[in-house]
Amino acid sequence: MKRKKLINWLCLSGIISLVFYILHTSVGAMYYPGYDWMSQAVSDLTAINAPSFMIANGLASVYALFACLNVVLVCIIIQGKGNRALRLGIYLFAVMNWVSAIGYALFPLSDSGYGGTFQDIMHVYVITLLVVMLSIVSLVLIIIGGFKKDRKYKSLGIWAIIALVCMFIGPMGMAIVPKSYFGIVERFSVYSAVVFNAILGMYGFAFFDRIER
């Protein structure tokens, strides 16, 4: 059995990021009296005027730190492995995480829901649009790369398909379900990228070297 290097162990930061994201949504909701997770967006918890801002924003910042660390490490590990489409997909997924971490930190919602200020416009129509587009393109490339030639990375391609389907459930569900269930379908989109990041970390920790042998 090949001995794990430090960089492989550090990829467990992907799992840690998932834990902190769950804490940010669950603990944050405890500090937001009247918060209804079934109808409200996750970003309401980190709105500047939200009673949960301090705790939720703090936990979200820790999540973003570990998420970005994880994808950078995976980018390093994947060099020279797999195929071009797979590597490019992972690189773009890393860019998406950095855009998300920096963009949402610079432009949190000014009010729960939508306040209509400049930072709300940036949050919803610029940062979110960039994050969604980068997520979709990166996952599509990983799917293509996962099913190419010898299909060594087929399992990662399957995980990417699941993440992409969940990502589309969000906007499709928002257009179909009543507003009272907005929060439920929105979480499909939000958690799809967060969970896939953790899965990439597991591949960086346990599977990439094994697949290449």
N, C-alpha and C. Protein backbone atom coordinates (compact mmCIF):
# COMPACT_ATOMS: atom_id res chain seq x y z
N MET A 1 0.85 -1.20 0.00
CA MET A 1 0.00 0.00 0.00
C MET A 1 0.88 1.25 0.00
N LYS A 2 0.61 2.17 -0.91
CA LYS A 2 1.42 3.37 -1.03
C LYS A 2 1.19 4.29 0.16
N ARG A 3 2.28 4.78 0.72
CA ARG A 3 2.19 5.66 1.89
C ARG A 3 1.64 7.02 1.49
N LYS A 4 0.74 7.53 2.31
CA LYS A 4 0.15 8.84 2.04
C LYS A 4 1.15 9.96 2.30
N LYS A 5 1.17 10.93 1.41
CA LYS A 5 2.00 12.11 1.60
C LYS A 5 1.19 13.16 2.35
N LEU A 6 1.89 14.18 2.82
CA LEU A 6 1.22 15.26 3.56
C LEU A 6 0.13 15.90 2.72
N ILE A 7 0.39 16.08 1.43
CA ILE A 7 -0.58 16.74 0.55
C ILE A 7 -1.87 15.92 0.46
N ASN A 8 -1.74 14.57 0.53
CA ASN A 8 -2.93 13.72 0.52
C ASN A 8 -3.75 13.90 1.79
N TRP A 9 -3.04 13.93 2.92
CA TRP A 9 -3.75 14.11 4.19
C TRP A 9 -4.43 15.48 4.26
N LEU A 10 -3.78 16.49 3.70
CA LEU A 10 -4.37 17.83 3.73
C LEU A 10 -5.64 17.93 2.88
N CYS A 11 -5.81 16.97 1.95
CA CYS A 11 -7.03 16.96 1.15
C CYS A 11 -8.26 16.62 1.98
N LEU A 12 -8.06 16.16 3.20
CA LEU A 12 -9.20 15.94 4.10
C LEU A 12 -9.84 17.27 4.48
N SER A 13 -9.18 18.37 4.11
CA SER A 13 -9.77 19.69 4.32
C SER A 13 -11.10 19.82 3.58
N GLY A 14 -11.28 19.01 2.53
CA GLY A 14 -12.56 19.02 1.82
C GLY A 14 -13.70 18.55 2.70
N ILE A 15 -13.44 17.51 3.51
CA ILE A 15 -14.44 17.01 4.45
C ILE A 15 -14.69 18.04 5.54
N ILE A 16 -13.60 18.65 6.02
CA ILE A 16 -13.74 19.68 7.07
C ILE A 16 -14.57 20.85 6.56
N SER A 17 -14.37 21.22 5.29
CA SER A 17 -15.14 22.34 4.72
C SER A 17 -16.63 22.01 4.70
N LEU A 18 -16.97 20.77 4.37
CA LEU A 18 -18.38 20.34 4.37
C LEU A 18 -18.97 20.43 5.77
N VAL A 19 -18.20 20.00 6.77
CA VAL A 19 -18.67 20.06 8.16
C VAL A 19 -18.96 21.50 8.56
N PHE A 20 -18.06 22.42 8.22
CA PHE A 20 -18.26 23.82 8.59
C PHE A 20 -19.41 24.46 7.81
N TYR A 21 -19.65 23.98 6.58
CA TYR A 21 -20.78 24.53 5.84
C TYR A 21 -22.09 24.10 6.49
N ILE A 22 -22.15 22.84 6.92
CA ILE A 22 -23.34 22.35 7.62
C ILE A 22 -23.54 23.12 8.92
N LEU A 23 -22.44 23.37 9.64
CA LEU A 23 -22.52 24.16 10.87
C LEU A 23 -23.00 25.58 10.59
N HIS A 24 -22.51 26.16 9.49
CA HIS A 24 -22.90 27.53 9.14
C HIS A 24 -24.40 27.63 8.89
N THR A 25 -24.99 26.60 8.26
CA THR A 25 -26.43 26.64 7.99
C THR A 25 -27.26 26.25 9.21
N SER A 26 -26.78 25.28 9.99
CA SER A 26 -27.57 24.80 11.13
C SER A 26 -27.42 25.69 12.37
N VAL A 27 -26.16 25.99 12.74
CA VAL A 27 -25.94 26.85 13.91
C VAL A 27 -26.39 28.27 13.60
N GLY A 28 -26.14 28.73 12.37
CA GLY A 28 -26.58 30.07 11.99
C GLY A 28 -28.08 30.23 12.14
N ALA A 29 -28.83 29.20 11.76
CA ALA A 29 -30.30 29.24 11.87
C ALA A 29 -30.75 29.36 13.32
N MET A 30 -29.96 28.79 14.25
CA MET A 30 -30.31 28.87 15.67
C MET A 30 -30.23 30.30 16.19
N TYR A 31 -29.36 31.10 15.55
CA TYR A 31 -29.17 32.49 15.98
C TYR A 31 -30.02 33.47 15.17
N TYR A 32 -30.93 32.93 14.41
CA TYR A 32 -31.81 33.77 13.57
C TYR A 32 -33.26 33.44 13.96
N PRO A 33 -33.81 34.16 14.94
CA PRO A 33 -35.19 33.90 15.38
C PRO A 33 -36.18 33.99 14.22
N GLY A 34 -36.98 32.96 14.08
CA GLY A 34 -37.99 32.96 13.02
C GLY A 34 -37.50 32.50 11.67
N TYR A 35 -36.23 32.14 11.58
CA TYR A 35 -35.70 31.69 10.28
C TYR A 35 -36.36 30.39 9.88
N ASP A 36 -36.84 30.34 8.64
CA ASP A 36 -37.50 29.15 8.11
C ASP A 36 -36.65 28.58 6.97
N TRP A 37 -35.94 27.51 7.24
CA TRP A 37 -35.03 26.96 6.24
C TRP A 37 -35.76 26.43 5.01
N MET A 38 -37.04 26.11 5.16
CA MET A 38 -37.81 25.59 4.04
C MET A 38 -38.15 26.68 3.02
N SER A 39 -38.23 27.92 3.46
CA SER A 39 -38.62 29.00 2.55
C SER A 39 -37.53 30.04 2.32
N GLN A 40 -36.52 30.10 3.20
CA GLN A 40 -35.50 31.14 3.08
C GLN A 40 -34.19 30.59 2.53
N ALA A 41 -33.47 31.46 1.83
CA ALA A 41 -32.18 31.07 1.24
C ALA A 41 -31.11 30.96 2.31
N VAL A 42 -30.09 30.19 2.02
CA VAL A 42 -28.95 30.05 2.93
C VAL A 42 -28.26 31.40 3.13
N SER A 43 -28.17 32.20 2.07
CA SER A 43 -27.47 33.49 2.15
C SER A 43 -28.16 34.48 3.08
N ASP A 44 -29.43 34.24 3.43
CA ASP A 44 -30.11 35.11 4.39
C ASP A 44 -29.41 35.09 5.74
N LEU A 45 -28.77 33.97 6.06
CA LEU A 45 -28.11 33.82 7.35
C LEU A 45 -26.90 34.74 7.49
N THR A 46 -26.28 35.07 6.35
CA THR A 46 -25.08 35.93 6.38
C THR A 46 -25.36 37.34 5.87
N ALA A 47 -26.64 37.69 5.74
CA ALA A 47 -26.99 39.07 5.39
C ALA A 47 -26.51 40.00 6.50
N ILE A 48 -26.07 41.19 6.15
CA ILE A 48 -25.45 42.10 7.12
C ILE A 48 -26.37 42.42 8.29
N ASN A 49 -27.66 42.56 8.04
CA ASN A 49 -28.58 42.91 9.13
C ASN A 49 -29.21 41.70 9.80
N ALA A 50 -28.78 40.50 9.41
CA ALA A 50 -29.35 39.28 10.01
C ALA A 50 -28.80 39.10 11.42
N PRO A 51 -29.63 38.67 12.37
CA PRO A 51 -29.15 38.45 13.75
C PRO A 51 -28.10 37.34 13.82
N SER A 52 -28.06 36.50 12.80
CA SER A 52 -27.10 35.39 12.76
C SER A 52 -25.80 35.76 12.05
N PHE A 53 -25.66 37.02 11.63
CA PHE A 53 -24.54 37.41 10.77
C PHE A 53 -23.18 37.02 11.35
N MET A 54 -22.93 37.35 12.60
CA MET A 54 -21.61 37.14 13.20
C MET A 54 -21.23 35.66 13.20
N ILE A 55 -22.10 34.83 13.73
CA ILE A 55 -21.78 33.40 13.86
C ILE A 55 -21.81 32.70 12.50
N ALA A 56 -22.83 33.00 11.68
CA ALA A 56 -22.94 32.33 10.38
C ALA A 56 -21.82 32.77 9.44
N ASN A 57 -21.50 34.06 9.45
CA ASN A 57 -20.43 34.56 8.59
C ASN A 57 -19.08 33.99 9.01
N GLY A 58 -18.87 33.86 10.31
CA GLY A 58 -17.62 33.29 10.81
C GLY A 58 -17.45 31.85 10.37
N LEU A 59 -18.49 31.06 10.52
CA LEU A 59 -18.44 29.65 10.12
C LEU A 59 -18.31 29.51 8.60
N ALA A 60 -18.98 30.39 7.86
CA ALA A 60 -18.90 30.36 6.40
C ALA A 60 -17.48 30.72 5.94
N SER A 61 -16.82 31.62 6.66
CA SER A 61 -15.45 32.00 6.31
C SER A 61 -14.49 30.83 6.51
N VAL A 62 -14.69 30.07 7.60
CA VAL A 62 -13.86 28.89 7.84
C VAL A 62 -14.11 27.84 6.76
N TYR A 63 -15.39 27.68 6.40
CA TYR A 63 -15.74 26.75 5.31
C TYR A 63 -14.99 27.14 4.03
N ALA A 64 -15.05 28.42 3.66
CA ALA A 64 -14.43 28.89 2.42
C ALA A 64 -12.92 28.67 2.45
N LEU A 65 -12.30 28.87 3.61
CA LEU A 65 -10.86 28.67 3.75
C LEU A 65 -10.48 27.22 3.44
N PHE A 66 -11.17 26.28 4.06
CA PHE A 66 -10.86 24.86 3.86
C PHE A 66 -11.26 24.40 2.45
N ALA A 67 -12.35 24.94 1.91
CA ALA A 67 -12.78 24.57 0.57
C ALA A 67 -11.74 24.99 -0.47
N CYS A 68 -11.23 26.22 -0.35
CA CYS A 68 -10.22 26.71 -1.30
C CYS A 68 -8.90 25.97 -1.14
N LEU A 69 -8.53 25.67 0.10
CA LEU A 69 -7.32 24.89 0.34
C LEU A 69 -7.43 23.53 -0.34
N ASN A 70 -8.58 22.90 -0.17
CA ASN A 70 -8.79 21.56 -0.74
C ASN A 70 -8.65 21.54 -2.25
N VAL A 71 -9.33 22.46 -2.94
CA VAL A 71 -9.30 22.42 -4.41
C VAL A 71 -7.92 22.77 -4.97
N VAL A 72 -7.19 23.64 -4.27
CA VAL A 72 -5.83 23.95 -4.72
C VAL A 72 -4.95 22.71 -4.61
N LEU A 73 -5.06 21.98 -3.52
CA LEU A 73 -4.28 20.76 -3.33
C LEU A 73 -4.64 19.71 -4.38
N VAL A 74 -5.94 19.58 -4.67
CA VAL A 74 -6.37 18.62 -5.68
C VAL A 74 -5.82 19.01 -7.05
N CYS A 75 -5.80 20.31 -7.33
CA CYS A 75 -5.23 20.79 -8.61
C CYS A 75 -3.76 20.40 -8.73
N ILE A 76 -3.04 20.48 -7.62
CA ILE A 76 -1.62 20.10 -7.62
C ILE A 76 -1.47 18.60 -7.85
N ILE A 77 -2.29 17.81 -7.16
CA ILE A 77 -2.20 16.35 -7.26
C ILE A 77 -2.57 15.85 -8.65
N ILE A 78 -3.55 16.50 -9.29
CA ILE A 78 -4.07 16.00 -10.57
C ILE A 78 -3.14 16.33 -11.73
N GLN A 79 -2.12 17.16 -11.51
CA GLN A 79 -1.21 17.49 -12.60
C GLN A 79 -0.54 16.23 -13.16
N GLY A 80 -0.60 16.10 -14.48
CA GLY A 80 0.00 14.94 -15.13
C GLY A 80 -0.85 13.68 -15.06
N LYS A 81 -2.02 13.76 -14.46
CA LYS A 81 -2.90 12.59 -14.35
C LYS A 81 -4.15 12.82 -15.19
N GLY A 82 -4.86 11.74 -15.48
CA GLY A 82 -6.11 11.85 -16.20
C GLY A 82 -5.93 12.41 -17.60
N ASN A 83 -6.89 13.20 -18.04
CA ASN A 83 -6.85 13.80 -19.37
C ASN A 83 -7.11 15.30 -19.26
N ARG A 84 -6.96 15.98 -20.39
CA ARG A 84 -7.05 17.44 -20.39
C ARG A 84 -8.41 17.94 -19.92
N ALA A 85 -9.48 17.32 -20.38
CA ALA A 85 -10.83 17.76 -20.00
C ALA A 85 -11.04 17.63 -18.50
N LEU A 86 -10.58 16.53 -17.93
CA LEU A 86 -10.73 16.30 -16.50
C LEU A 86 -9.95 17.35 -15.70
N ARG A 87 -8.69 17.56 -16.09
CA ARG A 87 -7.87 18.54 -15.37
C ARG A 87 -8.44 19.94 -15.49
N LEU A 88 -8.86 20.32 -16.70
CA LEU A 88 -9.42 21.66 -16.89
C LEU A 88 -10.69 21.84 -16.06
N GLY A 89 -11.50 20.80 -15.99
CA GLY A 89 -12.72 20.85 -15.18
C GLY A 89 -12.42 21.09 -13.72
N ILE A 90 -11.41 20.38 -13.20
CA ILE A 90 -11.02 20.54 -11.79
C ILE A 90 -10.43 21.92 -11.56
N TYR A 91 -9.63 22.41 -12.51
CA TYR A 91 -9.07 23.76 -12.37
C TYR A 91 -10.17 24.82 -12.33
N LEU A 92 -11.17 24.69 -13.20
CA LEU A 92 -12.28 25.65 -13.22
C LEU A 92 -13.13 25.54 -11.95
N PHE A 93 -13.25 24.33 -11.43
CA PHE A 93 -13.99 24.15 -10.17
C PHE A 93 -13.26 24.87 -9.04
N ALA A 94 -11.93 24.84 -9.10
CA ALA A 94 -11.13 25.57 -8.11
C ALA A 94 -11.35 27.08 -8.25
N VAL A 95 -11.36 27.57 -9.48
CA VAL A 95 -11.60 28.99 -9.73
C VAL A 95 -12.98 29.39 -9.17
N MET A 96 -13.96 28.53 -9.39
CA MET A 96 -15.31 28.80 -8.89
C MET A 96 -15.30 28.97 -7.37
N ASN A 97 -14.58 28.10 -6.68
CA ASN A 97 -14.52 28.19 -5.22
C ASN A 97 -13.87 29.49 -4.76
N TRP A 98 -12.83 29.93 -5.46
CA TRP A 98 -12.19 31.19 -5.10
C TRP A 98 -13.10 32.38 -5.39
N VAL A 99 -13.80 32.35 -6.52
CA VAL A 99 -14.75 33.43 -6.85
C VAL A 99 -15.84 33.49 -5.80
N SER A 100 -16.33 32.32 -5.39
CA SER A 100 -17.37 32.25 -4.37
C SER A 100 -16.87 32.79 -3.04
N ALA A 101 -15.70 32.35 -2.61
CA ALA A 101 -15.15 32.76 -1.31
C ALA A 101 -14.91 34.26 -1.25
N ILE A 102 -14.27 34.79 -2.28
CA ILE A 102 -13.93 36.22 -2.30
C ILE A 102 -15.15 37.08 -2.59
N GLY A 103 -15.94 36.66 -3.59
CA GLY A 103 -17.09 37.45 -4.01
C GLY A 103 -18.15 37.60 -2.94
N TYR A 104 -18.51 36.49 -2.29
CA TYR A 104 -19.55 36.57 -1.27
C TYR A 104 -19.06 37.26 0.01
N ALA A 105 -17.74 37.20 0.25
CA ALA A 105 -17.19 37.92 1.41
C ALA A 105 -17.21 39.43 1.16
N LEU A 106 -16.94 39.84 -0.08
CA LEU A 106 -16.94 41.26 -0.42
C LEU A 106 -18.35 41.83 -0.56
N PHE A 107 -19.28 40.98 -1.04
CA PHE A 107 -20.63 41.47 -1.31
C PHE A 107 -21.70 40.59 -0.66
N PRO A 108 -21.77 40.60 0.69
CA PRO A 108 -22.86 39.89 1.36
C PRO A 108 -24.17 40.63 1.11
N LEU A 109 -25.28 39.95 1.25
CA LEU A 109 -26.58 40.61 1.12
C LEU A 109 -26.70 41.68 2.20
N SER A 110 -27.30 42.81 1.84
CA SER A 110 -27.49 43.88 2.82
C SER A 110 -28.70 43.60 3.69
N ASP A 111 -29.61 42.77 3.18
CA ASP A 111 -30.85 42.46 3.89
C ASP A 111 -31.26 41.04 3.52
N SER A 112 -31.90 40.35 4.43
CA SER A 112 -32.40 39.01 4.14
C SER A 112 -33.38 39.07 2.99
N GLY A 113 -33.18 38.21 2.00
CA GLY A 113 -34.01 38.24 0.81
C GLY A 113 -33.27 38.99 -0.27
N TYR A 114 -33.63 40.27 -0.43
CA TYR A 114 -32.96 41.11 -1.43
C TYR A 114 -33.25 42.57 -1.12
N GLY A 115 -32.17 43.32 -0.81
CA GLY A 115 -32.34 44.72 -0.41
C GLY A 115 -32.29 45.70 -1.56
N GLY A 116 -31.79 45.28 -2.71
CA GLY A 116 -31.75 46.14 -3.88
C GLY A 116 -30.58 47.10 -3.93
N THR A 117 -29.62 46.97 -2.99
CA THR A 117 -28.47 47.86 -2.99
C THR A 117 -27.42 47.35 -3.99
N PHE A 118 -26.34 48.13 -4.14
CA PHE A 118 -25.27 47.74 -5.06
C PHE A 118 -24.70 46.38 -4.69
N GLN A 119 -24.46 46.17 -3.39
CA GLN A 119 -23.86 44.89 -2.99
C GLN A 119 -24.83 43.73 -3.19
N ASP A 120 -26.13 43.99 -3.09
CA ASP A 120 -27.11 42.94 -3.37
C ASP A 120 -27.08 42.57 -4.86
N ILE A 121 -26.98 43.59 -5.70
CA ILE A 121 -26.89 43.36 -7.15
C ILE A 121 -25.65 42.54 -7.48
N MET A 122 -24.51 42.91 -6.86
CA MET A 122 -23.27 42.17 -7.08
C MET A 122 -23.40 40.73 -6.58
N HIS A 123 -24.00 40.56 -5.42
CA HIS A 123 -24.16 39.23 -4.81
C HIS A 123 -25.00 38.31 -5.70
N VAL A 124 -26.16 38.82 -6.11
CA VAL A 124 -27.13 37.98 -6.83
C VAL A 124 -26.82 37.87 -8.32
N TYR A 125 -26.54 39.01 -8.96
CA TYR A 125 -26.46 39.02 -10.42
C TYR A 125 -25.05 38.92 -11.01
N VAL A 126 -24.05 39.09 -10.17
CA VAL A 126 -22.67 38.98 -10.68
C VAL A 126 -21.97 37.76 -10.09
N ILE A 127 -21.81 37.74 -8.78
CA ILE A 127 -21.08 36.64 -8.13
C ILE A 127 -21.82 35.32 -8.32
N THR A 128 -23.12 35.31 -8.02
CA THR A 128 -23.89 34.07 -8.15
C THR A 128 -23.90 33.57 -9.58
N LEU A 129 -24.05 34.49 -10.54
CA LEU A 129 -24.04 34.09 -11.95
C LEU A 129 -22.70 33.47 -12.33
N LEU A 130 -21.60 34.10 -11.90
CA LEU A 130 -20.26 33.56 -12.18
C LEU A 130 -20.07 32.19 -11.55
N VAL A 131 -20.50 32.06 -10.30
CA VAL A 131 -20.36 30.78 -9.58
C VAL A 131 -21.15 29.68 -10.28
N VAL A 132 -22.37 29.98 -10.67
CA VAL A 132 -23.21 28.98 -11.35
C VAL A 132 -22.61 28.58 -12.69
N MET A 133 -22.20 29.56 -13.48
CA MET A 133 -21.64 29.26 -14.80
C MET A 133 -20.35 28.44 -14.69
N LEU A 134 -19.46 28.83 -13.79
CA LEU A 134 -18.22 28.10 -13.59
C LEU A 134 -18.49 26.69 -13.08
N SER A 135 -19.48 26.55 -12.20
CA SER A 135 -19.83 25.23 -11.67
C SER A 135 -20.31 24.31 -12.77
N ILE A 136 -21.20 24.82 -13.61
CA ILE A 136 -21.76 24.00 -14.69
C ILE A 136 -20.68 23.58 -15.68
N VAL A 137 -19.88 24.55 -16.13
CA VAL A 137 -18.83 24.25 -17.12
C VAL A 137 -17.82 23.26 -16.54
N SER A 138 -17.41 23.48 -15.29
CA SER A 138 -16.41 22.60 -14.68
C SER A 138 -16.94 21.18 -14.52
N LEU A 139 -18.18 21.04 -14.09
CA LEU A 139 -18.75 19.70 -13.91
C LEU A 139 -18.94 18.98 -15.24
N VAL A 140 -19.35 19.72 -16.27
CA VAL A 140 -19.50 19.11 -17.60
C VAL A 140 -18.15 18.60 -18.10
N LEU A 141 -17.09 19.39 -17.90
CA LEU A 141 -15.76 18.96 -18.34
C LEU A 141 -15.28 17.74 -17.55
N ILE A 142 -15.57 17.70 -16.26
CA ILE A 142 -15.19 16.54 -15.45
C ILE A 142 -15.95 15.30 -15.89
N ILE A 143 -17.21 15.47 -16.26
CA ILE A 143 -18.01 14.35 -16.77
C ILE A 143 -17.41 13.82 -18.07
N ILE A 144 -17.08 14.74 -18.97
CA ILE A 144 -16.46 14.35 -20.26
C ILE A 144 -15.14 13.62 -20.00
N GLY A 145 -14.32 14.21 -19.12
CA GLY A 145 -13.03 13.60 -18.81
C GLY A 145 -13.17 12.26 -18.12
N GLY A 146 -14.20 12.13 -17.29
CA GLY A 146 -14.39 10.88 -16.57
C GLY A 146 -14.79 9.71 -17.45
N PHE A 147 -15.42 10.00 -18.58
CA PHE A 147 -15.89 8.94 -19.46
C PHE A 147 -15.04 8.80 -20.73
N LYS A 148 -13.88 9.45 -20.75
CA LYS A 148 -13.00 9.36 -21.92
C LYS A 148 -12.16 8.09 -21.90
N LYS A 149 -11.91 7.54 -23.05
CA LYS A 149 -10.95 6.46 -23.28
C LYS A 149 -11.07 5.32 -22.28
N ASP A 150 -10.04 5.16 -21.42
CA ASP A 150 -10.03 3.99 -20.54
C ASP A 150 -10.97 4.14 -19.34
N ARG A 151 -11.58 5.29 -19.21
CA ARG A 151 -12.58 5.55 -18.16
C ARG A 151 -12.05 5.28 -16.74
N LYS A 152 -10.79 5.60 -16.52
CA LYS A 152 -10.22 5.43 -15.18
C LYS A 152 -10.97 6.27 -14.15
N TYR A 153 -11.46 7.41 -14.60
CA TYR A 153 -12.12 8.34 -13.68
C TYR A 153 -13.64 8.33 -13.84
N LYS A 154 -14.17 7.22 -14.27
CA LYS A 154 -15.61 7.10 -14.48
C LYS A 154 -16.39 7.40 -13.21
N SER A 155 -15.91 6.90 -12.07
CA SER A 155 -16.63 7.12 -10.81
C SER A 155 -16.71 8.61 -10.46
N LEU A 156 -15.63 9.36 -10.74
CA LEU A 156 -15.67 10.80 -10.51
C LEU A 156 -16.63 11.47 -11.47
N GLY A 157 -16.68 10.97 -12.70
CA GLY A 157 -17.64 11.48 -13.67
C GLY A 157 -19.07 11.28 -13.22
N ILE A 158 -19.33 10.12 -12.59
CA ILE A 158 -20.68 9.83 -12.09
C ILE A 158 -21.04 10.79 -10.96
N TRP A 159 -20.09 11.04 -10.05
CA TRP A 159 -20.33 12.01 -8.98
C TRP A 159 -20.61 13.40 -9.55
N ALA A 160 -19.91 13.75 -10.62
CA ALA A 160 -20.11 15.06 -11.27
C ALA A 160 -21.51 15.14 -11.88
N ILE A 161 -21.99 14.02 -12.44
CA ILE A 161 -23.34 13.99 -13.01
C ILE A 161 -24.37 14.23 -11.91
N ILE A 162 -24.19 13.55 -10.77
CA ILE A 162 -25.11 13.71 -9.65
C ILE A 162 -25.11 15.16 -9.16
N ALA A 163 -23.91 15.75 -9.05
CA ALA A 163 -23.79 17.14 -8.60
C ALA A 163 -24.47 18.09 -9.58
N LEU A 164 -24.30 17.83 -10.88
CA LEU A 164 -24.89 18.70 -11.91
C LEU A 164 -26.41 18.60 -11.90
N VAL A 165 -26.93 17.40 -11.73
CA VAL A 165 -28.39 17.21 -11.66
C VAL A 165 -28.95 17.96 -10.46
N CYS A 166 -28.30 17.82 -9.30
CA CYS A 166 -28.75 18.53 -8.10
C CYS A 166 -28.68 20.04 -8.29
N MET A 167 -27.66 20.48 -9.01
CA MET A 167 -27.50 21.91 -9.26
C MET A 167 -28.67 22.47 -10.08
N PHE A 168 -29.15 21.67 -11.03
CA PHE A 168 -30.27 22.11 -11.87
C PHE A 168 -31.61 21.97 -11.16
N ILE A 169 -31.68 21.08 -10.16
CA ILE A 169 -32.92 20.93 -9.40
C ILE A 169 -33.28 22.25 -8.73
N GLY A 170 -32.25 22.99 -8.29
CA GLY A 170 -32.48 24.26 -7.61
C GLY A 170 -33.28 25.25 -8.43
N PRO A 171 -32.73 25.76 -9.55
CA PRO A 171 -33.47 26.75 -10.34
C PRO A 171 -34.77 26.22 -10.94
N MET A 172 -34.77 24.93 -11.32
CA MET A 172 -36.00 24.35 -11.86
C MET A 172 -37.08 24.28 -10.79
N GLY A 173 -36.66 23.88 -9.58
CA GLY A 173 -37.61 23.78 -8.48
C GLY A 173 -38.14 25.14 -8.05
N MET A 174 -37.27 26.15 -8.09
CA MET A 174 -37.69 27.50 -7.70
C MET A 174 -38.80 28.02 -8.61
N ALA A 175 -38.78 27.58 -9.86
CA ALA A 175 -39.79 28.03 -10.81
C ALA A 175 -41.08 27.24 -10.68
N ILE A 176 -41.03 26.11 -9.99
CA ILE A 176 -42.19 25.22 -9.91
C ILE A 176 -42.86 25.25 -8.54
N VAL A 177 -42.06 25.11 -7.47
CA VAL A 177 -42.64 24.96 -6.13
C VAL A 177 -43.09 26.31 -5.58
N PRO A 178 -44.00 26.31 -4.61
CA PRO A 178 -44.43 27.56 -3.96
C PRO A 178 -43.26 28.20 -3.22
N LYS A 179 -43.35 29.50 -2.95
CA LYS A 179 -42.28 30.22 -2.27
C LYS A 179 -41.98 29.64 -0.89
N SER A 180 -42.98 29.00 -0.31
CA SER A 180 -42.79 28.43 1.03
C SER A 180 -41.80 27.26 1.02
N TYR A 181 -41.46 26.75 -0.18
CA TYR A 181 -40.50 25.65 -0.30
C TYR A 181 -39.23 26.08 -1.05
N PHE A 182 -39.06 27.39 -1.21
CA PHE A 182 -37.90 27.91 -1.93
C PHE A 182 -36.59 27.42 -1.32
N GLY A 183 -36.49 27.46 0.00
CA GLY A 183 -35.26 27.09 0.69
C GLY A 183 -34.85 25.65 0.46
N ILE A 184 -35.83 24.77 0.30
CA ILE A 184 -35.53 23.34 0.10
C ILE A 184 -34.84 23.13 -1.23
N VAL A 185 -35.45 23.62 -2.31
CA VAL A 185 -34.86 23.41 -3.65
C VAL A 185 -33.57 24.19 -3.82
N GLU A 186 -33.49 25.36 -3.17
CA GLU A 186 -32.26 26.15 -3.27
C GLU A 186 -31.07 25.40 -2.69
N ARG A 187 -31.32 24.62 -1.66
CA ARG A 187 -30.25 23.87 -1.02
C ARG A 187 -29.70 22.75 -1.89
N PHE A 188 -30.49 22.26 -2.84
CA PHE A 188 -29.97 21.27 -3.79
C PHE A 188 -28.81 21.88 -4.57
N SER A 189 -29.00 23.12 -5.04
CA SER A 189 -27.95 23.80 -5.81
C SER A 189 -26.75 24.13 -4.95
N VAL A 190 -27.00 24.67 -3.78
CA VAL A 190 -25.92 25.12 -2.90
C VAL A 190 -25.07 23.94 -2.43
N TYR A 191 -25.73 22.90 -1.96
CA TYR A 191 -25.00 21.77 -1.39
C TYR A 191 -24.33 20.91 -2.45
N SER A 192 -24.80 20.98 -3.69
CA SER A 192 -24.20 20.15 -4.75
C SER A 192 -22.71 20.46 -4.91
N ALA A 193 -22.37 21.74 -4.95
CA ALA A 193 -20.96 22.15 -5.10
C ALA A 193 -20.17 21.87 -3.84
N VAL A 194 -20.78 22.09 -2.68
CA VAL A 194 -20.09 21.88 -1.40
C VAL A 194 -19.75 20.40 -1.22
N VAL A 195 -20.71 19.53 -1.50
CA VAL A 195 -20.48 18.09 -1.35
C VAL A 195 -19.48 17.59 -2.39
N PHE A 196 -19.58 18.10 -3.63
CA PHE A 196 -18.65 17.65 -4.66
C PHE A 196 -17.22 18.07 -4.31
N ASN A 197 -17.07 19.21 -3.68
CA ASN A 197 -15.75 19.65 -3.22
C ASN A 197 -15.18 18.62 -2.24
N ALA A 198 -16.01 18.16 -1.32
CA ALA A 198 -15.57 17.16 -0.34
C ALA A 198 -15.21 15.85 -1.04
N ILE A 199 -15.96 15.48 -2.07
CA ILE A 199 -15.67 14.26 -2.83
C ILE A 199 -14.33 14.39 -3.55
N LEU A 200 -14.06 15.56 -4.13
CA LEU A 200 -12.76 15.79 -4.75
C LEU A 200 -11.64 15.62 -3.73
N GLY A 201 -11.89 16.09 -2.51
CA GLY A 201 -10.90 15.94 -1.45
C GLY A 201 -10.63 14.48 -1.14
N MET A 202 -11.68 13.66 -1.16
CA MET A 202 -11.52 12.23 -0.91
C MET A 202 -10.72 11.57 -2.04
N TYR A 203 -10.94 12.02 -3.26
CA TYR A 203 -10.15 11.51 -4.38
C TYR A 203 -8.69 11.93 -4.24
N GLY A 204 -8.47 13.15 -3.81
CA GLY A 204 -7.11 13.62 -3.58
C GLY A 204 -6.42 12.84 -2.47
N PHE A 205 -7.20 12.44 -1.47
CA PHE A 205 -6.64 11.71 -0.34
C PHE A 205 -6.39 10.23 -0.65
N ALA A 206 -7.36 9.60 -1.32
CA ALA A 206 -7.32 8.14 -1.39
C ALA A 206 -7.26 7.52 -2.78
N PHE A 207 -7.77 8.23 -3.80
CA PHE A 207 -8.03 7.52 -5.05
C PHE A 207 -7.15 7.90 -6.24
N PHE A 208 -6.73 9.14 -6.35
CA PHE A 208 -6.00 9.55 -7.57
C PHE A 208 -4.75 8.71 -7.81
N ASP A 209 -3.93 8.52 -6.78
CA ASP A 209 -2.72 7.72 -6.94
C ASP A 209 -3.04 6.26 -7.25
N ARG A 210 -4.07 5.74 -6.60
CA ARG A 210 -4.46 4.34 -6.82
C ARG A 210 -4.94 4.11 -8.25
N ILE A 211 -5.71 5.08 -8.78
CA ILE A 211 -6.24 4.96 -10.14
C ILE A 211 -5.11 4.95 -11.16
N GLU A 212 -4.08 5.76 -10.91
CA GLU A 212 -2.99 5.90 -11.88
C GLU A 212 -2.08 4.68 -11.92
N ARG A 213 -2.09 3.86 -10.87
CA ARG A 213 -1.20 2.69 -10.88
C ARG A 213 -1.68 1.61 -11.83
